[in-house]
Amino acid sequence: MTEFLVKHFVKDYEDVEKVSVRTAYGVLSSVVGIFCNIFLFVTKGIIGIFLHSISVTADAFNNLSDAGSSVIGLAGVKMAGKPADRDHPFGHGRIEYIAALVVAFLVIEVGFSFFRDALGKIREPEALKFQAAPVLILILSVCVKLWMGMFNRRLGRRIDSKVMLATAADAMGDVVTTSATIVSLIFFQVTGINIDGFVGLGVALVVIWAGIGIARDTLEPLIGKPVEPEEYERITKFVEQYDGIEGSHDLIVHNYGPGRNMASIHAEVPNDVDIEASHEIIDRIERDAGKKLGIFLVIHMDPVEMKDEHVLSVKKQVLKILDALDPAVSIHDFRMVDGEEQINLIFDMVVPYEYDHKKQNDLRTSLMKLLKIADERYECVITVERSYIGDAAE
């Protein structure tokens, strides 16, 4: 069913990096959510009024609020798809994160409502009455919500949409909630023991935790987070595949919404190659990155020594000492100014982000002492910096 809907309602559905395609996915998800939730609201509402069932009627209005969440998602996706303008030169993609955050707070609010009601039922248990028709309606709701959860999760992962993943979590929370209600009714019918309040308390905690998780995942790209290891590999390998590029470092990625990234990177080029020739390569990589990766890439050019055996041997010596001292640390932009009485070694040292200033200074001091032992003429000019890459890639 999911692939059928995608193929019939999303044009160019395989081109998920395209903004218009992402918007079409978002519209499809929201429209399906609105339709399904209104269907459940009407069905449960009629049955609840007919049977005078408060639980079914309440569940119907819960579905109506879910339809409201789908409307918020639809508005967020449509607004996020707006093109860049003078006031927002990088587009409006982050609105999608804001919409997901609103949905997350709605999920948390529902969880707290369940929590409050569950405490009330534990203190003052209500008389339960098992009826087959309401249970069948609840089972129908579970089936529909389960499909909606899988539908939104599949689409959300395909286009990396926080709104869809939040909607999926909300739907799965409803599955757990309604299933728990069914279980408590059946348990009461079989044993005569009312566990409705305790089951509701557990469900409320699950829903609240799910909402907090959605909010956390949504806030991370808004606040700013390091580049994912997979994205780091993808960009660096793309840059380094070009002839004339010897290596890269200092990759920073700025996210302006799903599929809207701006990045900067330092590319190492041989220092004996004509600067205009290297600049032409850099320009070509930047243009190709926009077309093939969908990233606005800015490249800083770093000239590096490739032929001077003395410089290369000293660099190798520094790397060997540093690896023995701390294998988690790396260097780049290595330069050497040679002299008879003094040899200046100039380079940047990249340390893990959790290293505090004291540990950084101790590491730098230890490295300088060890290099001084290797050759008393060595004088180091070391710039310590932290990586912008996620832990798994460091």
Protein backbone atom coordinates (compact mmCIF):
# COMPACT_ATOMS: atom_id res chain seq x y z
CA MET A 1 0.00 0.00 0.00
CA THR A 2 2.79 2.43 0.88
CA GLU A 3 4.61 2.00 -2.44
CA PHE A 4 1.30 2.20 -4.32
CA LEU A 5 0.49 5.58 -2.75
CA VAL A 6 4.02 6.88 -3.27
CA LYS A 7 4.18 5.90 -6.94
CA HIS A 8 0.76 7.37 -7.71
CA PHE A 9 0.97 10.62 -5.73
CA VAL A 10 4.68 11.58 -5.65
CA LYS A 11 6.20 12.61 -8.95
CA ASP A 12 9.88 11.63 -9.32
CA TYR A 13 9.56 9.79 -6.01
CA GLU A 14 13.09 8.34 -6.22
CA ASP A 15 14.75 11.79 -6.31
CA VAL A 16 14.41 12.32 -2.53
CA GLU A 17 17.07 15.07 -2.40
CA LYS A 18 14.85 17.35 -4.49
CA VAL A 19 12.90 19.86 -2.39
CA SER A 20 9.69 19.52 -4.43
CA VAL A 21 9.80 15.73 -4.05
CA ARG A 22 10.31 16.02 -0.28
CA THR A 23 7.35 18.39 -0.11
CA ALA A 24 5.20 15.92 -2.07
CA TYR A 25 6.13 13.15 0.38
CA GLY A 26 5.19 15.42 3.28
CA VAL A 27 1.85 16.35 1.73
CA LEU A 28 1.04 12.66 1.10
CA SER A 29 1.89 11.73 4.69
CA SER A 30 -0.20 14.55 6.14
CA VAL A 31 -3.23 13.96 3.90
CA VAL A 32 -3.22 10.23 4.72
CA GLY A 33 -2.95 11.09 8.42
CA ILE A 34 -5.83 13.58 8.27
CA PHE A 35 -8.06 11.14 6.37
CA CYS A 36 -7.34 8.14 8.65
CA ASN A 37 -7.74 10.09 11.88
CA ILE A 38 -10.99 11.74 10.81
CA PHE A 39 -12.28 8.31 9.74
CA LEU A 40 -11.44 6.92 13.18
CA PHE A 41 -12.94 9.98 14.89
CA VAL A 42 -16.26 9.67 13.06
CA THR A 43 -16.45 5.89 13.47
CA LYS A 44 -15.57 5.87 17.17
CA GLY A 45 -17.71 8.94 17.84
CA ILE A 46 -20.83 7.32 16.39
CA ILE A 47 -20.20 4.03 18.21
CA GLY A 48 -19.36 5.81 21.45
CA ILE A 49 -22.56 7.90 21.37
CA PHE A 50 -24.65 4.88 20.38
CA LEU A 51 -23.24 2.70 23.16
CA HIS A 52 -22.90 5.57 25.69
CA SER A 53 -19.22 4.59 26.05
CA ILE A 54 -17.08 7.36 27.53
CA SER A 55 -13.79 5.52 26.79
CA VAL A 56 -14.56 5.09 23.10
CA THR A 57 -15.80 8.68 22.78
CA ALA A 58 -12.63 9.97 24.48
CA ASP A 59 -10.49 7.87 22.15
CA ALA A 60 -12.40 9.40 19.23
CA PHE A 61 -11.41 12.92 20.29
CA ASN A 62 -7.82 11.72 20.71
CA ASN A 63 -7.92 10.80 17.02
CA LEU A 64 -9.28 14.27 16.25
CA SER A 65 -6.26 15.81 17.98
CA ASP A 66 -4.04 13.51 15.91
CA ALA A 67 -5.69 14.90 12.79
CA GLY A 68 -4.74 18.34 14.10
CA SER A 69 -1.12 17.14 14.39
CA SER A 70 -1.27 16.03 10.75
CA VAL A 71 -2.53 19.49 9.79
CA ILE A 72 0.45 21.00 11.65
CA GLY A 73 2.75 18.63 9.78
CA LEU A 74 1.18 19.58 6.46
CA ALA A 75 1.60 23.29 7.17
CA GLY A 76 5.20 22.74 8.30
CA VAL A 77 6.16 20.75 5.19
CA LYS A 78 4.52 23.26 2.83
CA MET A 79 6.23 26.20 4.52
CA ALA A 80 9.58 24.38 4.60
CA GLY A 81 9.32 23.87 0.84
CA LYS A 82 9.20 27.61 0.14
CA PRO A 83 12.19 28.80 -1.95
CA ALA A 84 14.94 31.01 -0.57
CA ASP A 85 14.30 34.75 -0.46
CA ARG A 86 16.14 37.92 0.53
CA ASP A 87 15.47 37.44 4.25
CA HIS A 88 16.13 33.68 4.21
CA PRO A 89 18.91 33.03 1.67
CA PHE A 90 19.24 29.37 2.73
CA GLY A 91 15.52 28.62 2.41
CA HIS A 92 12.88 27.74 5.00
CA GLY A 93 13.76 24.08 5.62
CA ARG A 94 14.17 24.44 9.40
CA ILE A 95 10.43 25.14 9.69
CA GLU A 96 10.01 21.37 9.32
CA TYR A 97 11.97 20.90 12.55
CA ILE A 98 9.79 23.47 14.30
CA ALA A 99 6.63 21.64 13.15
CA ALA A 100 8.07 18.37 14.47
CA LEU A 101 8.81 20.09 17.79
CA VAL A 102 5.16 21.22 18.03
CA VAL A 103 4.02 17.64 17.40
CA ALA A 104 6.47 16.45 20.08
CA PHE A 105 4.95 18.82 22.65
CA LEU A 106 1.47 17.61 21.70
CA VAL A 107 2.60 14.02 22.30
CA ILE A 108 4.05 15.00 25.70
CA GLU A 109 0.85 16.85 26.59
CA VAL A 110 -1.23 13.77 25.74
CA GLY A 111 1.12 11.67 27.88
CA PHE A 112 0.69 13.96 30.88
CA SER A 113 -3.10 13.88 30.41
CA PHE A 114 -3.01 10.07 30.46
CA PHE A 115 -0.76 10.20 33.52
CA ARG A 116 -3.17 12.46 35.41
CA ASP A 117 -6.19 10.35 34.45
CA ALA A 118 -4.38 7.13 35.39
CA LEU A 119 -3.55 8.44 38.86
CA GLY A 120 -7.20 9.37 39.30
CA LYS A 121 -8.31 5.86 38.29
CA ILE A 122 -5.82 4.30 40.74
CA ARG A 123 -7.13 6.43 43.61
CA GLU A 124 -10.80 6.02 42.63
CA PRO A 125 -11.21 2.99 40.32
CA GLU A 126 -14.14 3.20 37.93
CA ALA A 127 -16.45 0.25 37.37
CA LEU A 128 -15.52 -1.50 34.13
CA LYS A 129 -18.01 -3.17 31.83
CA PHE A 130 -16.80 -5.43 29.03
CA GLN A 131 -18.58 -4.88 25.70
CA ALA A 132 -17.61 -6.64 22.49
CA ALA A 133 -18.47 -3.78 20.10
CA PRO A 134 -16.20 -1.14 21.70
CA VAL A 135 -13.37 -3.68 21.88
CA LEU A 136 -13.76 -4.45 18.16
CA ILE A 137 -13.66 -0.73 17.39
CA LEU A 138 -10.49 -0.38 19.45
CA ILE A 139 -8.92 -3.31 17.59
CA LEU A 140 -9.77 -1.56 14.29
CA SER A 141 -8.11 1.58 15.64
CA VAL A 142 -4.97 -0.38 16.55
CA CYS A 143 -4.74 -1.83 13.03
CA VAL A 144 -5.17 1.56 11.37
CA LYS A 145 -2.72 3.28 13.71
CA LEU A 146 -0.18 0.49 13.33
CA TRP A 147 -0.25 0.90 9.55
CA MET A 148 -0.01 4.70 9.90
CA GLY A 149 3.01 4.35 12.16
CA MET A 150 4.83 2.06 9.74
CA PHE A 151 3.78 4.24 6.78
CA ASN A 152 5.15 7.46 8.31
CA ARG A 153 8.28 5.79 9.65
CA ARG A 154 9.09 4.34 6.22
CA LEU A 155 8.57 7.67 4.44
CA GLY A 156 10.33 9.59 7.22
CA ARG A 157 13.45 7.46 6.95
CA ARG A 158 13.38 7.63 3.17
CA ILE A 159 13.51 11.45 3.10
CA ASP A 160 14.97 12.02 6.60
CA SER A 161 11.89 13.91 7.82
CA LYS A 162 11.67 14.71 11.53
CA VAL A 163 7.96 15.58 11.17
CA MET A 164 7.11 12.16 9.70
CA LEU A 165 9.18 10.33 12.29
CA ALA A 166 7.43 12.33 15.03
CA THR A 167 4.04 11.47 13.52
CA ALA A 168 5.08 7.81 13.34
CA ALA A 169 6.07 7.84 17.01
CA ASP A 170 2.74 9.48 17.88
CA ALA A 171 0.84 6.77 15.98
CA MET A 172 2.83 3.97 17.64
CA GLY A 173 2.12 5.59 21.00
CA ASP A 174 -1.61 5.38 20.19
CA VAL A 175 -1.12 1.71 19.29
CA VAL A 176 0.42 1.04 22.70
CA THR A 177 -2.25 3.10 24.48
CA THR A 178 -5.22 1.47 22.77
CA SER A 179 -3.70 -2.01 23.00
CA ALA A 180 -3.21 -1.53 26.73
CA THR A 181 -6.85 -0.51 27.06
CA ILE A 182 -7.94 -3.66 25.23
CA VAL A 183 -5.69 -5.84 27.39
CA SER A 184 -7.01 -4.29 30.61
CA LEU A 185 -10.63 -4.84 29.48
CA ILE A 186 -9.99 -8.47 28.56
CA PHE A 187 -8.05 -9.03 31.80
CA PHE A 188 -10.99 -7.61 33.76
CA GLN A 189 -13.45 -9.83 31.87
CA VAL A 190 -11.37 -12.95 32.64
CA THR A 191 -10.26 -12.24 36.23
CA GLY A 192 -12.59 -9.52 37.49
CA ILE A 193 -9.55 -7.48 38.58
CA ASN A 194 -9.43 -3.83 37.52
CA ILE A 195 -5.89 -2.90 36.43
CA ASP A 196 -6.99 -0.08 34.13
CA GLY A 197 -5.31 2.69 36.16
CA PHE A 198 -1.96 0.91 36.50
CA VAL A 199 -1.88 0.02 32.79
CA GLY A 200 -2.75 3.62 31.95
CA LEU A 201 0.09 4.86 34.17
CA GLY A 202 2.62 2.70 32.32
CA VAL A 203 1.27 3.80 28.94
CA ALA A 204 1.45 7.46 29.97
CA LEU A 205 5.12 7.13 30.86
CA VAL A 206 5.84 5.45 27.51
CA VAL A 207 4.04 8.25 25.63
CA ILE A 208 5.86 10.99 27.58
CA TRP A 209 9.23 9.34 26.96
CA ALA A 210 8.45 9.05 23.23
CA GLY A 211 7.56 12.75 23.08
CA ILE A 212 10.77 13.71 24.87
CA GLY A 213 12.74 11.58 22.39
CA ILE A 214 11.07 13.33 19.45
CA ALA A 215 11.81 16.75 20.96
CA ARG A 216 15.45 15.82 21.60
CA ASP A 217 15.98 14.53 18.04
CA THR A 218 14.33 17.66 16.64
CA LEU A 219 16.25 20.15 18.77
CA GLU A 220 19.67 18.71 17.85
CA PRO A 221 19.71 20.00 14.24
CA LEU A 222 18.21 23.32 15.37
CA ILE A 223 20.91 23.87 17.99
CA GLY A 224 23.67 22.45 15.77
CA LYS A 225 25.32 19.03 15.86
CA PRO A 226 28.48 17.46 14.39
CA VAL A 227 28.39 15.91 10.95
CA GLU A 228 27.34 12.26 10.94
CA PRO A 229 30.16 9.76 10.22
CA GLU A 230 28.44 8.56 7.04
CA GLU A 231 28.06 12.10 5.73
CA TYR A 232 31.66 12.85 6.66
CA GLU A 233 32.87 9.85 4.63
CA ARG A 234 30.63 10.74 1.70
CA ILE A 235 31.87 14.34 1.41
CA THR A 236 35.57 13.71 2.08
CA LYS A 237 35.74 10.79 -0.36
CA PHE A 238 33.98 12.90 -2.98
CA VAL A 239 36.51 15.72 -2.59
CA GLU A 240 39.58 13.48 -2.41
CA GLN A 241 38.70 11.49 -5.54
CA TYR A 242 39.77 14.38 -7.79
CA ASP A 243 43.27 14.45 -9.25
CA GLY A 244 45.33 17.16 -7.61
CA ILE A 245 43.74 16.73 -4.17
CA GLU A 246 46.06 15.02 -1.68
CA GLY A 247 43.78 15.00 1.36
CA SER A 248 41.19 16.99 3.31
CA HIS A 249 40.34 18.08 6.85
CA ASP A 250 38.29 20.57 8.89
CA LEU A 251 34.93 19.55 7.41
CA ILE A 252 32.06 21.59 8.86
CA VAL A 253 28.44 21.02 7.80
CA HIS A 254 25.65 23.49 8.51
CA ASN A 255 22.11 22.15 8.30
CA TYR A 256 19.31 24.43 7.09
CA GLY A 257 16.67 21.72 6.96
CA PRO A 258 16.48 18.18 5.57
CA GLY A 259 18.31 18.06 2.25
CA ARG A 260 19.57 21.63 2.65
CA ASN A 261 23.20 21.57 3.74
CA MET A 262 26.05 24.04 3.44
CA ALA A 263 29.57 22.76 4.11
CA SER A 264 33.15 24.00 4.21
CA ILE A 265 36.27 21.87 3.98
CA HIS A 266 40.04 22.32 3.67
CA ALA A 267 41.49 20.51 0.64
CA GLU A 268 45.23 19.79 0.49
CA VAL A 269 46.99 20.49 -2.83
CA PRO A 270 50.68 20.09 -3.78
CA ASN A 271 52.60 23.28 -3.04
CA ASP A 272 54.56 23.05 -6.30
CA VAL A 273 51.51 23.11 -8.58
CA ASP A 274 50.46 26.37 -10.24
CA ILE A 275 47.91 28.08 -7.99
CA GLU A 276 45.54 28.77 -10.89
CA ALA A 277 45.51 25.09 -11.84
CA SER A 278 44.66 24.09 -8.26
CA HIS A 279 42.04 26.81 -8.07
CA GLU A 280 40.37 25.45 -11.22
CA ILE A 281 40.16 22.00 -9.59
CA ILE A 282 38.65 23.51 -6.44
CA ASP A 283 36.03 25.38 -8.47
CA ARG A 284 35.08 22.20 -10.34
CA ILE A 285 34.68 20.23 -7.09
CA GLU A 286 32.43 22.95 -5.64
CA ARG A 287 30.20 22.93 -8.75
CA ASP A 288 30.04 19.12 -8.85
CA ALA A 289 29.20 18.92 -5.14
CA GLY A 290 26.15 21.09 -5.73
CA LYS A 291 24.96 18.88 -8.59
CA LYS A 292 25.84 15.42 -7.26
CA LEU A 293 25.68 15.80 -3.48
CA GLY A 294 23.12 18.59 -3.22
CA ILE A 295 25.50 20.52 -0.95
CA PHE A 296 26.63 24.12 -1.20
CA LEU A 297 30.33 23.42 -0.62
CA VAL A 298 33.02 26.01 0.07
CA ILE A 299 36.62 24.72 -0.17
CA HIS A 300 39.68 26.30 1.41
CA MET A 301 42.90 25.38 -0.38
CA ASP A 302 45.88 24.25 1.74
CA PRO A 303 49.27 23.81 -0.01
CA VAL A 304 51.25 20.83 1.35
CA GLU A 305 54.75 19.54 0.78
CA MET A 306 54.84 16.40 -1.39
CA LYS A 307 58.46 16.07 -2.59
CA ASP A 308 60.93 17.38 0.00
CA GLU A 309 62.15 14.18 1.66
CA HIS A 310 63.54 15.98 4.71
CA VAL A 311 60.22 17.69 5.47
CA LEU A 312 58.31 14.46 4.87
CA SER A 313 60.62 12.48 7.18
CA VAL A 314 60.23 15.05 9.98
CA LYS A 315 56.44 14.99 9.57
CA LYS A 316 56.54 11.19 9.78
CA GLN A 317 58.62 11.48 12.95
CA VAL A 318 56.06 13.86 14.51
CA LEU A 319 53.20 11.49 13.61
CA LYS A 320 55.03 8.51 15.14
CA ILE A 321 55.67 10.33 18.43
CA LEU A 322 52.10 11.65 18.56
CA ASP A 323 50.62 8.21 17.87
CA ALA A 324 52.57 6.75 20.78
CA LEU A 325 51.51 9.67 22.98
CA ASP A 326 47.80 9.67 22.10
CA PRO A 327 46.42 7.79 19.06
CA ALA A 328 43.14 9.73 19.26
CA VAL A 329 44.92 12.92 18.17
CA SER A 330 45.83 13.90 14.59
CA ILE A 331 47.63 16.77 12.83
CA HIS A 332 47.33 18.66 9.57
CA ASP A 333 48.72 21.75 7.82
CA PHE A 334 52.27 20.67 8.64
CA ARG A 335 55.00 23.14 7.65
CA MET A 336 58.69 23.31 8.50
CA VAL A 337 61.04 26.28 8.50
CA ASP A 338 64.57 24.83 8.49
CA GLY A 339 67.63 26.49 9.95
CA GLU A 340 71.06 25.53 11.26
CA GLU A 341 70.38 26.34 14.90
CA GLN A 342 66.57 26.16 14.99
CA ILE A 343 63.90 24.23 13.07
CA ASN A 344 60.36 25.54 13.39
CA LEU A 345 57.61 22.91 13.16
CA ILE A 346 54.23 24.52 12.49
CA PHE A 347 51.03 22.46 12.46
CA ASP A 348 47.47 22.14 13.74
CA MET A 349 46.65 19.41 16.26
CA VAL A 350 43.10 18.03 16.34
CA VAL A 351 41.97 16.64 19.71
CA PRO A 352 38.74 14.88 20.76
CA TYR A 353 36.01 17.30 21.81
CA GLU A 354 35.90 16.06 25.41
CA TYR A 355 39.50 17.15 26.09
CA ASP A 356 39.45 20.19 28.38
CA HIS A 357 41.99 23.03 28.22
CA LYS A 358 44.23 21.43 30.84
CA LYS A 359 44.41 18.14 28.95
CA GLN A 360 45.03 20.00 25.69
CA ASN A 361 47.89 21.99 27.21
CA ASP A 362 49.39 18.91 28.86
CA LEU A 363 49.27 17.04 25.56
CA ARG A 364 50.88 19.91 23.67
CA THR A 365 53.60 20.30 26.31
CA SER A 366 54.35 16.56 26.29
CA LEU A 367 54.59 16.48 22.50
CA MET A 368 56.95 19.47 22.45
CA LYS A 369 59.20 17.84 25.08
CA LEU A 370 59.38 14.55 23.16
CA LEU A 371 60.18 16.36 19.92
CA LYS A 372 62.87 18.35 21.74
CA ILE A 373 64.43 15.07 22.86
CA ALA A 374 64.37 13.83 19.26
CA ASP A 375 66.14 17.00 18.08
CA GLU A 376 66.94 19.89 20.41
CA ARG A 377 66.64 22.32 17.47
CA TYR A 378 62.91 21.67 17.15
CA GLU A 379 60.68 24.57 18.12
CA CYS A 380 56.93 23.91 17.78
CA VAL A 381 54.13 26.29 16.89
CA ILE A 382 51.05 24.16 17.57
CA THR A 383 47.45 25.29 17.13
CA VAL A 384 45.07 23.03 19.05
CA GLU A 385 41.58 22.61 17.61
CA ARG A 386 38.60 20.33 18.07
CA SER A 387 36.87 18.22 15.45
CA TYR A 388 33.37 18.96 14.13
CA ILE A 389 32.86 15.28 13.27
CA GLY A 390 30.71 12.85 15.25
CA ASP A 391 32.46 10.51 17.69
CA ALA A 392 32.16 7.43 15.47
CA ALA A 393 34.25 9.05 12.72
CA GLU A 394 37.00 10.52 14.83
